[in-house]
């Protein structure tokens, strides 16, 4: 979907976008690829919980950790 370098301000914008599909994509990406503390700092726990049912199936091997 997105094959480019993303700056931290851009990433913060993606995870707070009004488009839930975009939010789910980027939040899951952060949860899969960032250190847990960084993911929580960038995304926040509330959005993760809010969109959990849509994020969870895309987490792959890190699903159990986040669950």
N, C-alpha and C. Protein backbone atom coordinates (compact mmCIF):
# COMPACT_ATOMS: atom_id res chain seq x y z
N UNK A 1 0.81 -1.19 0.00
CA UNK A 1 0.00 0.00 0.00
C UNK A 1 0.86 1.26 0.00
N UNK A 2 1.80 1.35 0.94
CA UNK A 2 2.68 2.51 1.03
C UNK A 2 4.12 2.01 0.96
N UNK A 3 4.84 2.36 -0.08
CA UNK A 3 6.22 1.94 -0.23
C UNK A 3 7.13 3.15 -0.27
N UNK A 4 7.19 3.87 0.84
CA UNK A 4 8.04 5.05 0.90
C UNK A 4 8.48 5.26 2.34
N UNK A 5 9.46 6.13 2.50
CA UNK A 5 9.89 6.48 3.84
C UNK A 5 8.89 7.45 4.43
N UNK A 6 8.61 7.27 5.70
CA UNK A 6 7.62 8.09 6.38
C UNK A 6 8.30 8.77 7.56
N UNK A 7 8.08 10.06 7.70
CA UNK A 7 8.64 10.78 8.84
C UNK A 7 7.75 10.55 10.06
N UNK A 8 8.28 10.82 11.23
CA UNK A 8 7.50 10.66 12.45
C UNK A 8 6.26 11.56 12.45
N UNK A 9 6.37 12.82 12.04
CA UNK A 9 5.15 13.65 11.99
C UNK A 9 4.11 13.08 11.01
N UNK A 10 4.54 12.56 9.88
CA UNK A 10 3.61 11.94 8.94
C UNK A 10 2.94 10.72 9.58
N UNK A 11 3.74 9.90 10.25
CA UNK A 11 3.22 8.69 10.89
C UNK A 11 2.18 9.05 11.95
N UNK A 12 2.48 10.06 12.74
CA UNK A 12 1.52 10.50 13.75
C UNK A 12 0.21 10.96 13.09
N UNK A 13 0.31 11.59 11.94
CA UNK A 13 -0.88 11.99 11.20
C UNK A 13 -1.66 10.79 10.69
N UNK A 14 -0.96 9.78 10.21
CA UNK A 14 -1.63 8.57 9.69
C UNK A 14 -2.39 7.84 10.80
N UNK A 15 -1.79 7.75 11.99
CA UNK A 15 -2.45 6.99 13.07
C UNK A 15 -3.57 7.78 13.75
N UNK A 16 -3.71 9.05 13.40
CA UNK A 16 -4.80 9.86 13.95
C UNK A 16 -5.78 10.32 12.86
N UNK A 17 -5.65 9.77 11.68
CA UNK A 17 -6.50 10.17 10.56
C UNK A 17 -7.97 9.85 10.84
N UNK A 18 -8.83 10.51 10.13
CA UNK A 18 -10.27 10.25 10.30
C UNK A 18 -10.70 8.98 9.57
N UNK A 19 -9.89 8.51 8.65
CA UNK A 19 -10.18 7.29 7.89
C UNK A 19 -9.74 6.07 8.70
N UNK A 20 -10.71 5.30 9.22
CA UNK A 20 -10.37 4.15 10.06
C UNK A 20 -9.55 3.10 9.33
N UNK A 21 -9.76 2.90 8.04
CA UNK A 21 -8.95 1.93 7.30
C UNK A 21 -7.48 2.34 7.32
N UNK A 22 -7.21 3.63 7.13
CA UNK A 22 -5.84 4.13 7.18
C UNK A 22 -5.28 3.98 8.59
N UNK A 23 -6.06 4.31 9.58
CA UNK A 23 -5.60 4.19 10.97
C UNK A 23 -5.24 2.74 11.29
N UNK A 24 -6.11 1.81 10.94
CA UNK A 24 -5.86 0.39 11.21
C UNK A 24 -4.56 -0.05 10.55
N UNK A 25 -4.39 0.30 9.29
CA UNK A 25 -3.18 -0.10 8.56
C UNK A 25 -1.92 0.39 9.28
N UNK A 26 -1.88 1.67 9.62
CA UNK A 26 -0.67 2.25 10.20
C UNK A 26 -0.47 1.85 11.66
N UNK A 27 -1.55 1.76 12.42
CA UNK A 27 -1.40 1.33 13.81
C UNK A 27 -0.87 -0.10 13.86
N UNK A 28 -1.41 -0.98 13.05
CA UNK A 28 -0.93 -2.36 13.00
C UNK A 28 0.52 -2.41 12.56
N UNK A 29 0.87 -1.60 11.59
CA UNK A 29 2.25 -1.57 11.11
C UNK A 29 3.21 -1.16 12.24
N UNK A 30 2.83 -0.14 12.98
CA UNK A 30 3.65 0.30 14.11
C UNK A 30 3.73 -0.80 15.17
N UNK A 31 2.61 -1.42 15.47
CA UNK A 31 2.61 -2.48 16.49
C UNK A 31 3.46 -3.67 16.06
N UNK A 32 3.52 -3.95 14.77
CA UNK A 32 4.33 -5.08 14.28
C UNK A 32 5.81 -4.74 14.25
N UNK A 33 6.16 -3.49 13.95
CA UNK A 33 7.54 -3.18 13.63
C UNK A 33 8.30 -2.37 14.66
N UNK A 34 7.60 -1.61 15.50
CA UNK A 34 8.29 -0.77 16.48
C UNK A 34 8.47 -1.52 17.79
N UNK A 35 9.36 -1.03 18.61
CA UNK A 35 9.48 -1.55 19.97
C UNK A 35 8.16 -1.21 20.68
N UNK A 36 7.71 -2.09 21.57
CA UNK A 36 6.43 -1.86 22.23
C UNK A 36 6.29 -0.48 22.88
N UNK A 37 7.31 -0.02 23.60
CA UNK A 37 7.24 1.30 24.23
C UNK A 37 7.09 2.41 23.18
N UNK A 38 7.78 2.25 22.06
CA UNK A 38 7.69 3.24 20.99
C UNK A 38 6.30 3.21 20.35
N UNK A 39 5.76 2.01 20.16
CA UNK A 39 4.43 1.88 19.57
C UNK A 39 3.40 2.56 20.46
N UNK A 40 3.48 2.35 21.75
CA UNK A 40 2.54 2.97 22.67
C UNK A 40 2.71 4.48 22.68
N UNK A 41 3.94 4.94 22.60
CA UNK A 41 4.21 6.37 22.57
C UNK A 41 3.66 7.03 21.30
N UNK A 42 3.82 6.37 20.18
CA UNK A 42 3.39 6.92 18.90
C UNK A 42 1.88 6.84 18.74
N UNK A 43 1.31 5.70 19.07
CA UNK A 43 -0.12 5.44 18.80
C UNK A 43 -0.98 5.77 20.01
N UNK A 44 -0.57 5.32 21.18
CA UNK A 44 -1.40 5.44 22.37
C UNK A 44 -2.21 4.17 22.56
N UNK A 45 -2.56 3.87 23.78
CA UNK A 45 -3.28 2.64 24.09
C UNK A 45 -4.74 2.72 23.64
N UNK A 46 -5.36 3.87 23.80
CA UNK A 46 -6.79 4.01 23.46
C UNK A 46 -7.10 3.65 22.00
N UNK A 47 -6.34 4.17 21.02
CA UNK A 47 -6.63 3.78 19.63
C UNK A 47 -6.40 2.29 19.38
N UNK A 48 -5.42 1.71 20.05
CA UNK A 48 -5.17 0.28 19.90
C UNK A 48 -6.39 -0.51 20.39
N UNK A 49 -6.91 -0.11 21.53
CA UNK A 49 -8.09 -0.80 22.09
C UNK A 49 -9.32 -0.56 21.23
N UNK A 50 -9.50 0.68 20.81
CA UNK A 50 -10.67 1.05 20.00
C UNK A 50 -10.78 0.23 18.72
N UNK A 51 -9.65 -0.01 18.08
CA UNK A 51 -9.64 -0.68 16.78
C UNK A 51 -9.13 -2.13 16.87
N UNK A 52 -9.02 -2.66 18.09
CA UNK A 52 -8.42 -3.97 18.30
C UNK A 52 -8.99 -5.06 17.41
N UNK A 53 -10.30 -5.15 17.28
CA UNK A 53 -10.89 -6.25 16.51
C UNK A 53 -10.47 -6.19 15.04
N UNK A 54 -10.12 -5.04 14.55
CA UNK A 54 -9.66 -4.91 13.16
C UNK A 54 -8.14 -5.04 13.06
N UNK A 55 -7.44 -4.63 14.10
CA UNK A 55 -5.97 -4.69 14.10
C UNK A 55 -5.47 -6.11 14.36
N UNK A 56 -6.07 -6.78 15.32
CA UNK A 56 -5.59 -8.09 15.79
C UNK A 56 -5.31 -9.09 14.67
N UNK A 57 -6.20 -9.26 13.70
CA UNK A 57 -5.93 -10.26 12.66
C UNK A 57 -4.72 -9.95 11.78
N UNK A 58 -4.21 -8.73 11.84
CA UNK A 58 -3.09 -8.35 10.97
C UNK A 58 -1.75 -8.34 11.69
N UNK A 59 -1.72 -8.72 12.96
CA UNK A 59 -0.49 -8.59 13.74
C UNK A 59 0.50 -9.74 13.58
N UNK A 60 0.08 -10.82 12.99
CA UNK A 60 1.02 -11.92 12.75
C UNK A 60 1.65 -12.42 14.03
N UNK A 61 2.97 -12.59 14.01
CA UNK A 61 3.68 -13.21 15.12
C UNK A 61 3.69 -12.38 16.40
N UNK A 62 3.36 -11.10 16.34
CA UNK A 62 3.33 -10.28 17.55
C UNK A 62 1.94 -10.22 18.19
N UNK A 63 0.99 -10.91 17.58
CA UNK A 63 -0.39 -10.89 18.10
C UNK A 63 -0.46 -11.30 19.56
N UNK A 64 0.16 -12.41 19.92
CA UNK A 64 0.07 -12.91 21.29
C UNK A 64 0.65 -11.89 22.29
N UNK A 65 1.72 -11.23 21.90
CA UNK A 65 2.30 -10.22 22.78
C UNK A 65 1.29 -9.11 23.07
N UNK A 66 0.67 -8.59 22.03
CA UNK A 66 -0.26 -7.47 22.19
C UNK A 66 -1.57 -7.89 22.81
N UNK A 67 -1.94 -9.15 22.62
CA UNK A 67 -3.19 -9.63 23.20
C UNK A 67 -3.06 -9.70 24.69
